[in-house]
N, C-alpha and C. Protein backbone atom coordinates (compact mmCIF):
# COMPACT_ATOMS: atom_id res chain seq x y z
N MET A 1 19.47 -29.88 -12.79
CA MET A 1 20.79 -29.24 -12.34
C MET A 1 20.24 -28.61 -10.60
N ALA A 2 21.61 -28.49 -10.25
CA ALA A 2 21.62 -27.97 -9.07
C ALA A 2 20.68 -26.87 -8.84
N ALA A 3 20.86 -26.51 -7.90
CA ALA A 3 20.51 -25.04 -7.28
C ALA A 3 21.48 -24.29 -6.74
N ASP A 4 21.85 -23.26 -6.48
CA ASP A 4 22.32 -22.25 -6.56
C ASP A 4 23.54 -22.52 -5.02
N ARG A 5 24.65 -22.81 -4.57
CA ARG A 5 24.46 -22.73 -3.16
C ARG A 5 24.40 -21.79 -2.44
N ARG A 6 23.91 -20.43 -2.76
CA ARG A 6 24.07 -19.19 -1.51
C ARG A 6 22.37 -19.33 -1.15
N LEU A 7 21.39 -20.10 -2.26
CA LEU A 7 20.12 -20.90 -1.77
C LEU A 7 19.78 -21.70 -0.63
N VAL A 8 20.57 -20.65 0.75
CA VAL A 8 20.79 -21.56 1.67
C VAL A 8 19.32 -22.57 2.34
N ARG A 9 18.13 -21.55 2.41
CA ARG A 9 16.86 -22.04 2.48
C ARG A 9 16.03 -23.29 1.42
N LEU A 10 16.39 -23.02 0.47
CA LEU A 10 16.31 -24.03 -0.40
C LEU A 10 16.66 -25.55 -0.18
N HIS A 11 17.97 -25.24 0.16
CA HIS A 11 18.91 -26.45 0.21
C HIS A 11 18.33 -27.54 1.37
N GLU A 12 18.29 -26.50 2.61
CA GLU A 12 17.87 -26.93 3.95
C GLU A 12 16.42 -27.35 3.54
N ALA A 13 15.41 -26.94 2.91
CA ALA A 13 14.38 -27.61 2.98
C ALA A 13 14.27 -28.37 2.06
N LEU A 14 15.13 -28.57 0.84
CA LEU A 14 15.04 -29.62 0.26
C LEU A 14 15.48 -31.40 1.03
N ARG A 15 16.24 -30.66 2.10
CA ARG A 15 16.96 -31.65 2.69
C ARG A 15 15.88 -32.55 3.52
N ARG A 16 14.62 -31.56 4.02
CA ARG A 16 13.71 -32.14 4.98
C ARG A 16 12.85 -32.82 4.44
N CYS A 17 12.55 -32.79 3.01
CA CYS A 17 11.40 -33.16 1.99
C CYS A 17 11.79 -34.37 1.76
N PRO A 18 10.80 -35.77 2.07
CA PRO A 18 10.99 -36.95 1.83
C PRO A 18 11.03 -37.30 0.07
N ALA A 19 9.60 -36.19 -0.09
CA ALA A 19 9.25 -36.66 -1.34
C ALA A 19 9.66 -36.70 -2.50
N GLN A 20 10.81 -35.58 -2.84
CA GLN A 20 11.18 -35.19 -3.65
C GLN A 20 11.46 -36.31 -5.27
N PRO A 21 10.86 -36.15 -6.17
CA PRO A 21 11.37 -36.82 -6.98
C PRO A 21 12.55 -36.33 -8.10
N ALA A 22 13.28 -37.60 -8.38
CA ALA A 22 14.43 -37.42 -9.24
C ALA A 22 14.32 -36.56 -10.40
N ASN A 23 15.63 -35.70 -10.82
CA ASN A 23 16.05 -35.02 -12.04
C ASN A 23 14.45 -34.09 -12.03
N ARG A 24 14.70 -33.69 -11.15
CA ARG A 24 13.76 -32.28 -11.05
C ARG A 24 14.66 -30.68 -11.73
N VAL A 25 14.23 -30.33 -12.58
CA VAL A 25 14.99 -28.84 -13.18
C VAL A 25 15.05 -27.69 -12.48
N VAL A 26 13.79 -27.14 -11.96
CA VAL A 26 13.16 -26.85 -10.83
C VAL A 26 12.91 -27.14 -9.70
N THR A 27 13.61 -26.29 -8.93
CA THR A 27 13.69 -26.50 -7.30
C THR A 27 12.88 -25.32 -6.55
N MET A 28 11.59 -25.06 -5.54
CA MET A 28 11.33 -23.83 -4.59
C MET A 28 11.00 -24.31 -3.82
N VAL A 29 11.11 -23.58 -2.45
CA VAL A 29 10.97 -23.22 -1.25
C VAL A 29 10.08 -22.25 -1.04
N ALA A 30 8.83 -22.00 -0.60
CA ALA A 30 8.02 -20.78 0.27
C ALA A 30 7.82 -20.83 0.98
N ARG A 31 8.55 -20.10 2.41
CA ARG A 31 7.75 -20.00 3.66
C ARG A 31 6.80 -18.95 3.70
N VAL A 32 5.66 -19.68 4.40
CA VAL A 32 5.11 -18.48 4.73
C VAL A 32 3.99 -18.74 6.42
N THR A 33 3.63 -17.54 6.29
CA THR A 33 3.54 -17.79 7.91
C THR A 33 2.09 -16.84 7.73
N PRO A 34 1.21 -16.93 8.90
CA PRO A 34 0.93 -17.88 9.69
C PRO A 34 1.01 -19.63 9.07
N ALA A 35 1.35 -20.66 10.25
CA ALA A 35 1.20 -21.76 9.37
C ALA A 35 -0.01 -22.10 9.18
N LEU A 36 -1.28 -21.20 9.06
CA LEU A 36 -2.38 -21.73 8.00
C LEU A 36 -2.69 -23.27 9.20
N GLY A 37 -2.44 -23.43 9.71
CA GLY A 37 -3.25 -24.47 10.95
C GLY A 37 -3.28 -25.68 10.00
N VAL A 38 -2.19 -26.25 8.89
CA VAL A 38 -2.26 -27.35 7.74
C VAL A 38 -0.76 -27.95 8.35
N GLY A 39 -1.33 -29.04 8.35
CA GLY A 39 -0.40 -30.36 8.67
C GLY A 39 0.37 -31.04 7.60
N ILE A 40 1.69 -31.68 7.62
CA ILE A 40 2.68 -32.27 6.31
C ILE A 40 1.58 -32.86 5.45
N ARG A 41 1.51 -32.87 4.31
CA ARG A 41 1.11 -33.37 3.57
C ARG A 41 1.82 -33.39 2.24
N ASP A 42 1.60 -34.12 1.22
CA ASP A 42 2.03 -33.72 -0.56
C ASP A 42 0.86 -33.15 -1.15
N LEU A 43 1.21 -32.78 -2.21
CA LEU A 43 0.96 -31.32 -3.02
C LEU A 43 0.02 -32.44 -4.12
N PRO A 44 -1.04 -32.34 -5.00
CA PRO A 44 -1.09 -32.81 -6.04
C PRO A 44 -0.54 -31.93 -7.35
N ALA A 45 -0.17 -32.42 -8.20
CA ALA A 45 0.54 -31.34 -9.47
C ALA A 45 -0.96 -30.89 -9.75
N LEU A 46 -0.96 -30.21 -9.99
CA LEU A 46 -1.58 -29.34 -10.61
C LEU A 46 -2.16 -29.60 -12.32
N ASP A 47 -1.30 -30.34 -12.99
CA ASP A 47 -1.26 -30.89 -14.41
C ASP A 47 -1.45 -32.54 -14.09
N ARG A 48 -2.79 -32.79 -13.99
CA ARG A 48 -3.24 -34.50 -13.13
C ARG A 48 -2.09 -35.37 -14.50
N GLY A 49 -2.23 -34.88 -15.67
CA GLY A 49 -1.19 -36.14 -15.83
C GLY A 49 0.36 -36.44 -15.46
N ALA A 50 0.71 -35.43 -14.85
CA ALA A 50 2.01 -35.62 -14.28
C ALA A 50 2.51 -36.36 -13.92
N GLY A 51 2.11 -37.83 -13.39
CA GLY A 51 2.57 -38.72 -12.75
C GLY A 51 3.07 -38.53 -11.62
N ILE A 52 3.86 -37.05 -11.09
CA ILE A 52 4.37 -37.18 -9.82
C ILE A 52 3.44 -36.32 -9.38
N SER A 53 3.61 -35.74 -7.60
CA SER A 53 3.29 -35.17 -6.78
C SER A 53 4.05 -33.46 -7.00
N GLY A 54 3.40 -32.85 -7.19
CA GLY A 54 3.94 -31.26 -7.58
C GLY A 54 4.31 -30.42 -6.41
N GLY A 55 4.52 -31.65 -4.73
CA GLY A 55 5.32 -30.79 -3.59
C GLY A 55 4.79 -31.65 -2.69
N THR A 56 5.51 -30.73 -1.48
CA THR A 56 5.21 -31.15 -0.31
C THR A 56 5.16 -29.87 1.02
N VAL A 57 3.96 -30.18 1.68
CA VAL A 57 4.49 -29.29 2.95
C VAL A 57 4.44 -29.04 3.92
N LEU A 58 5.80 -28.79 4.49
CA LEU A 58 6.10 -29.04 6.07
C LEU A 58 5.89 -28.00 7.03
N PRO A 59 4.97 -28.26 7.90
CA PRO A 59 4.94 -27.06 8.64
C PRO A 59 6.42 -27.32 9.75
N THR A 60 6.98 -26.11 10.22
CA THR A 60 7.85 -25.98 10.81
C THR A 60 8.10 -24.50 11.96
N TRP A 61 8.60 -24.51 13.56
CA TRP A 61 8.67 -23.19 14.07
C TRP A 61 10.05 -22.80 13.75
N ILE A 62 9.93 -21.72 13.91
CA ILE A 62 11.16 -20.69 13.62
C ILE A 62 10.62 -19.51 14.19
N ASP A 63 11.89 -18.90 15.29
CA ASP A 63 11.84 -17.75 16.05
C ASP A 63 10.28 -17.54 16.78
N GLY A 64 9.99 -18.78 17.35
CA GLY A 64 8.85 -18.67 18.05
C GLY A 64 7.52 -18.35 17.36
N ALA A 65 7.51 -18.52 16.33
CA ALA A 65 5.98 -18.40 15.44
C ALA A 65 6.05 -19.45 14.84
N GLY A 66 4.73 -20.15 13.96
CA GLY A 66 4.61 -21.52 13.59
C GLY A 66 4.46 -20.42 11.91
N ALA A 67 5.09 -21.54 11.60
CA ALA A 67 5.50 -21.62 9.91
C ALA A 67 5.26 -22.35 8.85
N LEU A 68 5.06 -22.31 7.80
CA LEU A 68 5.21 -23.60 6.61
C LEU A 68 6.20 -23.11 5.21
N GLU A 69 6.30 -24.46 5.67
CA GLU A 69 7.70 -24.20 4.08
C GLU A 69 6.77 -25.20 3.03
N ILE A 70 7.05 -24.82 2.03
CA ILE A 70 6.08 -25.32 0.99
C ILE A 70 6.75 -25.41 -0.10
N VAL A 71 7.15 -26.87 -0.65
CA VAL A 71 8.19 -27.09 -1.03
C VAL A 71 7.48 -27.71 -2.41
N THR A 72 8.06 -27.25 -3.61
CA THR A 72 7.44 -27.50 -5.28
C THR A 72 8.42 -27.52 -6.05
N TRP A 73 8.43 -28.18 -7.25
CA TRP A 73 9.27 -28.24 -8.19
C TRP A 73 8.23 -28.67 -9.86
N ASN A 74 8.48 -28.64 -10.18
CA ASN A 74 8.80 -28.57 -11.89
C ASN A 74 7.93 -30.05 -12.27
N THR A 75 7.11 -29.93 -12.63
CA THR A 75 6.32 -31.54 -12.68
C THR A 75 6.19 -32.12 -14.11
N GLY A 76 6.55 -31.23 -15.19
CA GLY A 76 6.41 -31.17 -16.51
C GLY A 76 8.07 -31.25 -16.75
N GLU A 77 8.11 -30.67 -18.66
CA GLU A 77 9.38 -30.28 -19.36
C GLU A 77 8.96 -28.65 -20.24
N ALA A 78 10.12 -28.39 -20.33
CA ALA A 78 10.64 -27.51 -20.72
C ALA A 78 9.76 -27.04 -21.94
N SER A 79 9.50 -27.92 -22.57
CA SER A 79 9.47 -28.18 -24.00
C SER A 79 7.50 -28.68 -24.04
N ASP A 80 6.90 -28.48 -22.77
CA ASP A 80 5.53 -28.58 -22.57
C ASP A 80 5.35 -27.15 -22.43
N LEU A 81 5.73 -25.76 -22.76
CA LEU A 81 5.65 -24.46 -22.62
C LEU A 81 4.07 -24.59 -23.19
N ARG A 82 4.50 -24.49 -24.56
CA ARG A 82 3.76 -23.62 -25.45
C ARG A 82 2.16 -24.61 -25.71
N ARG A 83 2.39 -25.78 -24.99
CA ARG A 83 1.31 -26.36 -25.05
C ARG A 83 0.54 -26.59 -24.17
N TYR A 84 0.77 -26.36 -22.62
CA TYR A 84 0.53 -26.26 -21.20
C TYR A 84 0.56 -25.05 -20.55
N GLY A 85 1.35 -23.89 -20.89
CA GLY A 85 1.63 -22.93 -20.73
C GLY A 85 2.76 -22.98 -18.85
N ASN A 86 2.22 -22.51 -18.38
CA ASN A 86 3.22 -22.69 -16.47
C ASN A 86 2.49 -23.42 -15.59
N ARG A 87 1.38 -24.54 -16.37
CA ARG A 87 0.99 -25.51 -15.16
C ARG A 87 1.83 -26.33 -14.38
N SER A 88 2.54 -26.67 -15.06
CA SER A 88 3.46 -27.64 -14.74
C SER A 88 5.01 -26.99 -13.50
N HIS A 89 4.74 -25.97 -13.93
CA HIS A 89 5.62 -25.08 -13.03
C HIS A 89 5.78 -25.01 -11.64
N ALA A 90 7.15 -24.89 -11.07
CA ALA A 90 6.88 -24.79 -9.32
C ALA A 90 6.03 -23.98 -9.08
N GLU A 91 6.20 -22.79 -9.41
CA GLU A 91 5.47 -22.08 -8.90
C GLU A 91 3.99 -21.54 -9.02
N ALA A 92 3.24 -22.81 -10.22
CA ALA A 92 1.66 -22.96 -10.21
C ALA A 92 1.38 -23.75 -8.80
N GLN A 93 2.62 -24.51 -8.71
CA GLN A 93 1.97 -25.36 -7.21
C GLN A 93 1.56 -24.98 -6.46
N PHE A 94 2.78 -24.03 -5.86
CA PHE A 94 2.20 -23.22 -4.84
C PHE A 94 1.30 -22.46 -4.77
N PHE A 95 1.56 -21.63 -5.98
CA PHE A 95 -0.03 -21.02 -6.28
C PHE A 95 -1.34 -21.79 -5.99
N GLU A 96 -1.04 -22.36 -6.52
CA GLU A 96 -2.37 -23.47 -6.59
C GLU A 96 -3.35 -23.66 -5.09
N PHE A 97 -2.05 -24.46 -3.88
CA PHE A 97 -2.17 -24.55 -2.98
C PHE A 97 -2.70 -23.44 -2.10
N MET A 98 -1.81 -21.91 -2.21
CA MET A 98 -2.27 -20.72 -1.75
C MET A 98 -3.72 -19.88 -1.93
N ARG A 99 -4.05 -20.40 -2.92
CA ARG A 99 -5.47 -19.63 -3.75
C ARG A 99 -6.19 -20.00 -2.69
N GLY A 100 -6.71 -18.59 -1.96
CA GLY A 100 -8.13 -18.19 -1.06
C GLY A 100 -6.89 -18.44 0.50
N ARG A 101 -5.93 -18.68 0.76
CA ARG A 101 -5.47 -18.90 1.54
C ARG A 101 -4.67 -17.25 2.16
N GLU A 102 -5.20 -16.94 3.61
CA GLU A 102 -4.29 -15.75 4.18
C GLU A 102 -2.89 -16.33 4.54
N PHE A 103 -1.93 -14.98 4.52
CA PHE A 103 -1.02 -14.97 5.09
C PHE A 103 -0.39 -13.65 5.28
N SER A 104 1.18 -13.93 6.33
CA SER A 104 1.31 -12.34 7.06
C SER A 104 3.02 -11.75 6.43
N SER A 105 3.20 -12.48 5.99
CA SER A 105 4.65 -12.61 5.12
C SER A 105 5.14 -13.72 3.70
N VAL A 106 5.93 -13.72 3.14
CA VAL A 106 5.98 -15.05 2.27
C VAL A 106 7.61 -14.56 2.21
N ASP A 107 8.22 -15.83 1.86
CA ASP A 107 9.58 -15.26 1.51
C ASP A 107 10.17 -16.89 0.17
N ILE A 108 10.93 -16.52 -0.96
CA ILE A 108 10.53 -17.87 -1.60
C ILE A 108 12.01 -17.64 -2.22
N GLU A 109 12.46 -19.05 -2.08
CA GLU A 109 13.88 -19.08 -2.98
C GLU A 109 13.25 -19.87 -3.62
N ILE A 110 13.88 -19.90 -5.25
CA ILE A 110 13.64 -20.58 -6.33
C ILE A 110 14.69 -21.15 -7.35
N SER A 111 15.09 -22.32 -7.60
CA SER A 111 16.45 -22.33 -8.65
C SER A 111 16.32 -21.52 -9.90
N HIS A 112 15.56 -21.17 -10.33
CA HIS A 112 15.29 -20.32 -11.65
C HIS A 112 14.58 -18.64 -11.07
N SER A 113 14.73 -17.66 -12.13
CA SER A 113 13.80 -16.73 -11.95
C SER A 113 12.36 -17.52 -12.71
N PRO A 114 11.54 -16.42 -12.02
CA PRO A 114 10.28 -16.70 -12.41
C PRO A 114 9.54 -16.95 -14.57
N CYS A 115 8.89 -17.12 -14.65
CA CYS A 115 8.45 -17.01 -16.12
C CYS A 115 7.23 -16.04 -16.44
N THR A 116 7.30 -15.20 -17.14
CA THR A 116 6.45 -14.48 -17.35
C THR A 116 4.70 -14.85 -16.81
N ALA A 117 4.56 -15.89 -16.94
CA ALA A 117 3.15 -15.99 -16.37
C ALA A 117 3.16 -16.58 -14.99
N CYS A 118 4.00 -17.30 -14.31
CA CYS A 118 4.88 -17.29 -13.44
C CYS A 118 4.57 -15.90 -12.43
N ALA A 119 5.37 -15.23 -13.03
CA ALA A 119 5.67 -13.72 -12.33
C ALA A 119 4.61 -12.66 -12.32
N ASP A 120 3.31 -13.10 -13.45
CA ASP A 120 2.37 -12.25 -12.92
C ASP A 120 1.45 -13.14 -12.01
N MET A 121 1.35 -14.17 -11.91
CA MET A 121 0.67 -15.10 -11.05
C MET A 121 0.98 -14.65 -9.46
N LEU A 122 2.49 -14.24 -9.44
CA LEU A 122 3.11 -13.66 -8.11
C LEU A 122 2.69 -12.56 -7.52
N VAL A 123 2.84 -11.92 -8.73
CA VAL A 123 1.70 -10.41 -8.99
C VAL A 123 0.61 -10.16 -7.99
N GLY A 124 0.10 -11.25 -8.47
CA GLY A 124 -1.81 -11.11 -8.22
C GLY A 124 -1.66 -11.69 -7.08
N LEU A 125 -1.37 -12.90 -6.37
CA LEU A 125 -1.05 -13.38 -5.07
C LEU A 125 -0.99 -11.98 -4.07
N LEU A 126 0.48 -11.33 -4.24
CA LEU A 126 1.15 -10.17 -3.53
C LEU A 126 -0.06 -9.32 -3.35
N ARG A 127 -0.62 -8.98 -4.71
CA ARG A 127 -1.59 -7.77 -4.64
C ARG A 127 -2.94 -7.77 -4.06
N SER A 128 -3.60 -9.12 -4.31
CA SER A 128 -4.62 -9.95 -3.79
C SER A 128 -4.78 -9.40 -1.72
N MET A 129 -3.79 -10.31 -1.49
CA MET A 129 -3.18 -10.07 -0.02
C MET A 129 -3.43 -8.65 0.48
N LYS A 130 -2.89 -7.88 -0.24
CA LYS A 130 -2.71 -6.33 0.16
C LYS A 130 -3.99 -5.72 -0.12
N ALA A 131 -4.53 -6.21 -0.97
CA ALA A 131 -5.93 -5.65 -0.74
C ALA A 131 -6.92 -5.91 -0.11
N LYS A 132 -6.63 -7.12 0.56
CA LYS A 132 -7.47 -7.45 1.60
C LYS A 132 -7.72 -6.93 2.92
N GLY A 133 -5.89 -6.76 3.13
CA GLY A 133 -5.93 -5.81 4.10
C GLY A 133 -5.56 -4.54 4.31
N THR A 134 -6.22 -4.07 3.40
CA THR A 134 -6.19 -2.26 3.06
C THR A 134 -7.11 -1.83 4.34
N THR A 135 -7.02 -0.24 4.80
CA THR A 135 -7.67 -0.17 5.64
C THR A 135 -7.67 1.67 4.97
N VAL A 136 -9.30 1.74 4.96
CA VAL A 136 -9.47 3.35 4.09
C VAL A 136 -10.06 4.24 5.63
N SER A 137 -9.52 5.17 5.42
CA SER A 137 -9.34 6.06 6.24
C SER A 137 -9.97 7.91 5.18
N ARG A 138 -9.99 8.55 5.87
CA ARG A 138 -9.99 10.19 5.77
C ARG A 138 -9.40 10.85 5.60
N ALA A 139 -8.89 11.90 5.34
CA ALA A 139 -7.75 13.24 6.18
C ALA A 139 -8.59 13.82 6.06
N PRO A 140 -8.70 14.68 7.50
CA PRO A 140 -9.67 15.97 7.94
C PRO A 140 -9.64 16.93 7.65
N SER A 141 -10.95 17.31 7.24
CA SER A 141 -11.02 18.28 6.68
C SER A 141 -10.74 19.49 7.17
N ARG A 142 -10.35 20.58 6.40
CA ARG A 142 -9.76 21.76 7.07
C ARG A 142 -10.68 23.07 6.03
N ARG A 143 -10.41 24.08 6.78
CA ARG A 143 -11.03 25.06 6.70
C ARG A 143 -10.61 26.31 6.24
N VAL A 144 -10.40 26.78 5.12
CA VAL A 144 -9.65 28.40 4.30
C VAL A 144 -10.77 29.06 4.21
N GLY A 145 -10.66 30.12 5.15
CA GLY A 145 -11.28 31.31 4.97
C GLY A 145 -12.88 30.75 5.03
N HIS A 146 -13.70 31.06 4.02
CA HIS A 146 -15.15 30.82 4.07
C HIS A 146 -15.32 29.34 3.61
N ARG A 147 -14.38 27.71 3.14
CA ARG A 147 -14.60 27.50 2.45
C ARG A 147 -14.10 25.84 3.50
N VAL A 148 -14.45 25.33 3.62
CA VAL A 148 -14.16 24.14 3.79
C VAL A 148 -13.94 22.92 3.13
N TYR A 149 -12.70 22.04 3.24
CA TYR A 149 -12.46 21.24 1.94
C TYR A 149 -12.31 20.04 2.56
N VAL A 150 -12.78 19.28 2.28
CA VAL A 150 -13.27 17.80 2.61
C VAL A 150 -11.79 16.76 2.52
N GLY A 151 -11.54 16.22 3.64
CA GLY A 151 -10.75 15.46 3.87
C GLY A 151 -10.74 14.56 2.30
N ALA A 152 -9.65 14.09 1.70
CA ALA A 152 -9.54 13.09 0.21
C ALA A 152 -9.63 11.50 0.98
N ARG A 153 -10.04 10.71 0.47
CA ARG A 153 -9.75 9.01 0.93
C ARG A 153 -8.43 8.39 0.87
N ILE A 154 -7.98 7.95 1.38
CA ILE A 154 -7.11 7.46 2.00
C ILE A 154 -6.86 5.99 2.47
N GLU A 155 -6.17 5.28 1.82
CA GLU A 155 -5.74 3.35 1.46
C GLU A 155 -4.28 3.47 2.13
N THR A 156 -4.32 2.66 2.95
CA THR A 156 -2.98 2.16 3.46
C THR A 156 -2.98 0.91 3.49
N PRO A 157 -2.14 0.42 2.51
CA PRO A 157 -1.71 -1.14 2.28
C PRO A 157 -1.58 -1.83 3.66
N PRO A 158 -1.23 -3.22 3.87
CA PRO A 158 -0.61 -3.35 5.08
C PRO A 158 0.70 -3.73 4.84
N ASP A 159 1.18 -4.23 5.79
CA ASP A 159 2.96 -4.25 5.43
C ASP A 159 3.20 -5.74 5.76
N LEU A 160 3.41 -6.40 4.27
CA LEU A 160 3.40 -7.53 3.87
C LEU A 160 4.36 -8.01 3.17
N PRO A 161 5.60 -7.93 4.16
CA PRO A 161 6.98 -8.50 3.73
C PRO A 161 6.77 -10.18 2.48
N ALA A 162 7.00 -9.18 1.64
CA ALA A 162 7.35 -10.66 0.08
C ALA A 162 8.99 -10.55 -0.51
N THR A 163 9.53 -11.58 -0.17
CA THR A 163 10.88 -11.48 -0.76
C THR A 163 10.74 -12.83 -1.32
N LEU A 164 11.94 -12.48 -2.88
CA LEU A 164 12.11 -13.46 -3.91
C LEU A 164 13.31 -13.51 -4.13
N ARG A 165 13.91 -14.89 -4.15
CA ARG A 165 16.04 -15.13 -4.58
C ARG A 165 15.67 -16.42 -5.29
N TRP A 166 16.69 -16.14 -6.67
CA TRP A 166 16.68 -17.18 -7.41
C TRP A 166 18.01 -16.85 -7.35
N GLY A 167 18.71 -18.35 -8.21
CA GLY A 167 19.54 -18.93 -8.50
C GLY A 167 20.17 -18.68 -9.80
N ALA A 168 19.18 -18.47 -10.95
CA ALA A 168 19.65 -18.96 -12.67
C ALA A 168 17.87 -17.94 -13.34
N LEU A 169 18.45 -17.96 -14.34
CA LEU A 169 17.78 -16.57 -15.20
C LEU A 169 17.13 -18.07 -16.51
N PHE A 170 15.97 -18.29 -16.02
CA PHE A 170 15.02 -18.93 -16.90
C PHE A 170 14.68 -18.04 -18.34
N GLU A 171 15.96 -19.13 -19.29
CA GLU A 171 15.39 -18.06 -20.92
C GLU A 171 14.59 -18.97 -21.36
N THR A 172 13.41 -19.71 -21.24
CA THR A 172 13.20 -20.61 -22.13
C THR A 172 12.17 -20.37 -23.14
N PRO A 173 11.66 -19.38 -24.19
CA PRO A 173 10.94 -19.27 -24.79
C PRO A 173 9.71 -20.14 -24.56
N PRO A 174 8.13 -19.62 -25.20
CA PRO A 174 7.96 -18.15 -25.12
C PRO A 174 7.99 -17.15 -24.00
N GLN A 175 7.85 -17.97 -22.67
CA GLN A 175 7.53 -17.60 -21.74
C GLN A 175 9.13 -17.24 -20.37
N ALA A 176 10.20 -16.89 -21.06
CA ALA A 176 11.57 -17.02 -20.73
C ALA A 176 11.32 -15.29 -19.87
N THR A 177 11.70 -14.59 -18.69
CA THR A 177 12.00 -14.14 -17.58
C THR A 177 12.32 -12.67 -18.23
N THR A 178 11.59 -11.53 -18.43
CA THR A 178 11.86 -10.22 -18.73
C THR A 178 11.91 -9.08 -17.57
N PRO A 179 12.15 -7.68 -18.19
CA PRO A 179 12.52 -6.81 -17.10
C PRO A 179 10.95 -6.53 -16.86
N GLN A 180 9.92 -6.55 -18.12
CA GLN A 180 9.07 -6.20 -17.74
C GLN A 180 8.31 -6.86 -16.39
N SER A 181 8.14 -7.73 -16.26
CA SER A 181 7.92 -9.14 -15.40
C SER A 181 8.51 -8.47 -14.24
N LEU A 182 10.09 -8.45 -13.92
CA LEU A 182 10.49 -7.67 -12.68
C LEU A 182 10.10 -6.63 -12.08
N ARG A 183 10.05 -6.05 -13.29
CA ARG A 183 9.26 -4.51 -13.13
C ARG A 183 7.76 -5.10 -12.41
N ALA A 184 7.20 -5.66 -12.77
CA ALA A 184 5.89 -5.76 -12.16
C ALA A 184 5.20 -6.06 -11.15
N LEU A 185 6.60 -7.58 -10.47
CA LEU A 185 6.56 -7.80 -9.29
C LEU A 185 7.39 -6.43 -7.85
N GLN A 186 8.16 -6.05 -8.68
CA GLN A 186 9.00 -5.30 -8.08
C GLN A 186 7.67 -4.04 -7.21
N ALA A 187 7.04 -3.50 -8.58
CA ALA A 187 6.27 -2.66 -8.01
C ALA A 187 5.20 -2.83 -7.18
N VAL A 188 4.44 -4.07 -7.20
CA VAL A 188 3.46 -4.50 -6.15
C VAL A 188 3.67 -5.06 -5.00
N GLY A 189 5.19 -5.03 -4.79
CA GLY A 189 5.44 -5.26 -3.12
C GLY A 189 7.36 -6.59 -3.26
N TRP A 190 7.09 -7.11 -4.45
CA TRP A 190 8.39 -8.30 -4.45
C TRP A 190 9.56 -7.49 -4.14
N HIS A 191 10.22 -7.91 -3.09
CA HIS A 191 11.86 -7.55 -2.55
C HIS A 191 12.84 -8.85 -3.45
N MET A 192 13.55 -8.98 -4.37
CA MET A 192 14.13 -9.73 -5.52
C MET A 192 15.52 -9.53 -5.04
N ALA A 193 16.59 -10.78 -5.20
CA ALA A 193 17.50 -11.08 -4.87
C ALA A 193 18.10 -12.21 -5.90
N ALA A 194 19.22 -11.82 -6.43
CA ALA A 194 19.64 -12.89 -7.47
C ALA A 194 21.51 -12.81 -7.70
N PRO A 195 21.92 -13.87 -8.48
CA PRO A 195 23.25 -13.31 -8.26
C PRO A 195 23.02 -12.91 -10.05
N ARG A 196 24.35 -11.90 -10.74
CA ARG A 196 24.22 -11.13 -11.43
C ARG A 196 24.20 -11.87 -12.98
N THR A 197 24.69 -13.14 -12.83
CA THR A 197 24.36 -13.84 -13.87
C THR A 197 22.97 -14.18 -13.87
N ALA A 198 22.38 -14.00 -12.67
CA ALA A 198 21.03 -14.92 -13.04
C ALA A 198 19.75 -13.53 -12.98
N ILE A 199 20.55 -12.20 -14.10
CA ILE A 199 19.20 -11.18 -14.31
C ILE A 199 19.79 -10.49 -15.25
N PRO A 200 18.92 -10.44 -15.81
CA PRO A 200 18.78 -9.44 -17.51
C PRO A 200 19.69 -8.78 -17.86
N ASN A 201 20.13 -8.26 -18.37
CA ASN A 201 20.62 -7.38 -18.79
C ASN A 201 20.17 -6.33 -19.47
N ASP A 202 19.27 -6.51 -20.44
CA ASP A 202 18.43 -5.60 -20.91
C ASP A 202 18.15 -4.40 -19.89
N ALA A 203 17.99 -3.10 -20.59
CA ALA A 203 17.34 -1.81 -20.46
C ALA A 203 16.09 -2.42 -19.94
N GLY A 204 15.72 -1.45 -18.52
CA GLY A 204 14.57 -1.34 -18.17
C GLY A 204 14.19 -2.73 -16.72
N THR A 205 15.00 -3.55 -17.02
CA THR A 205 15.60 -4.13 -15.62
C THR A 205 16.01 -3.52 -14.31
N PRO A 206 14.60 -3.66 -13.09
CA PRO A 206 14.64 -2.99 -12.04
C PRO A 206 16.22 -3.48 -11.71
N ALA A 207 16.38 -2.56 -10.46
CA ALA A 207 17.45 -2.94 -9.39
C ALA A 207 17.34 -4.21 -8.54
N ILE A 208 18.24 -5.18 -8.66
CA ILE A 208 17.54 -6.27 -8.14
C ILE A 208 19.00 -6.71 -6.77
N THR A 209 18.95 -6.69 -5.88
CA THR A 209 20.14 -7.02 -5.07
C THR A 209 20.48 -8.21 -4.90
N LEU A 210 21.73 -8.41 -4.53
CA LEU A 210 22.88 -8.99 -5.79
C LEU A 210 23.09 -10.40 -4.11
N LEU A 211 22.99 -11.38 -4.92
CA LEU A 211 23.68 -12.67 -4.11
C LEU A 211 25.10 -12.73 -4.18
């Protein structure tokens, strides 16, 4: 299935990707800054029995700043979900590469919305990075009459831009995209956009920018 034409960055990245295997249903590109000092490389599939790579890293130069484009795809079939979980998913290949790496911004375009397990991973990725950059201070103490009120602890998370855009709704059970998983993504700081047809109609789905 071709990626939605509105996912311009994904189409551009796939054109620059020489190693994309044929007939991948789910494709994804993540643009991460800074460039992390990583050169062009193929990513091994998280599922070692997949028989294909999990993606490609493409260093690029954008607006005077070094960045990485990490192109990934599904390495298995939808029928593998019940046996292997999300190990074959495009997001899982990206998450494995980013594990332990630091970044200051992340912009993802993916052909399909993240399944519940992949949404959990993306929530954890952003939450952990914000935790690393959170600064702790204390409000100044103040005197009221004879009492001194000690300032409370103040935690200030970093401004870490994170965007997620997709073109189609992932509806394969048992990990179909849910309003709850999208709310969790929004709560941790992901800004999301998708066509109206790719957003669940269920009550509780958060507001998502329309493509």
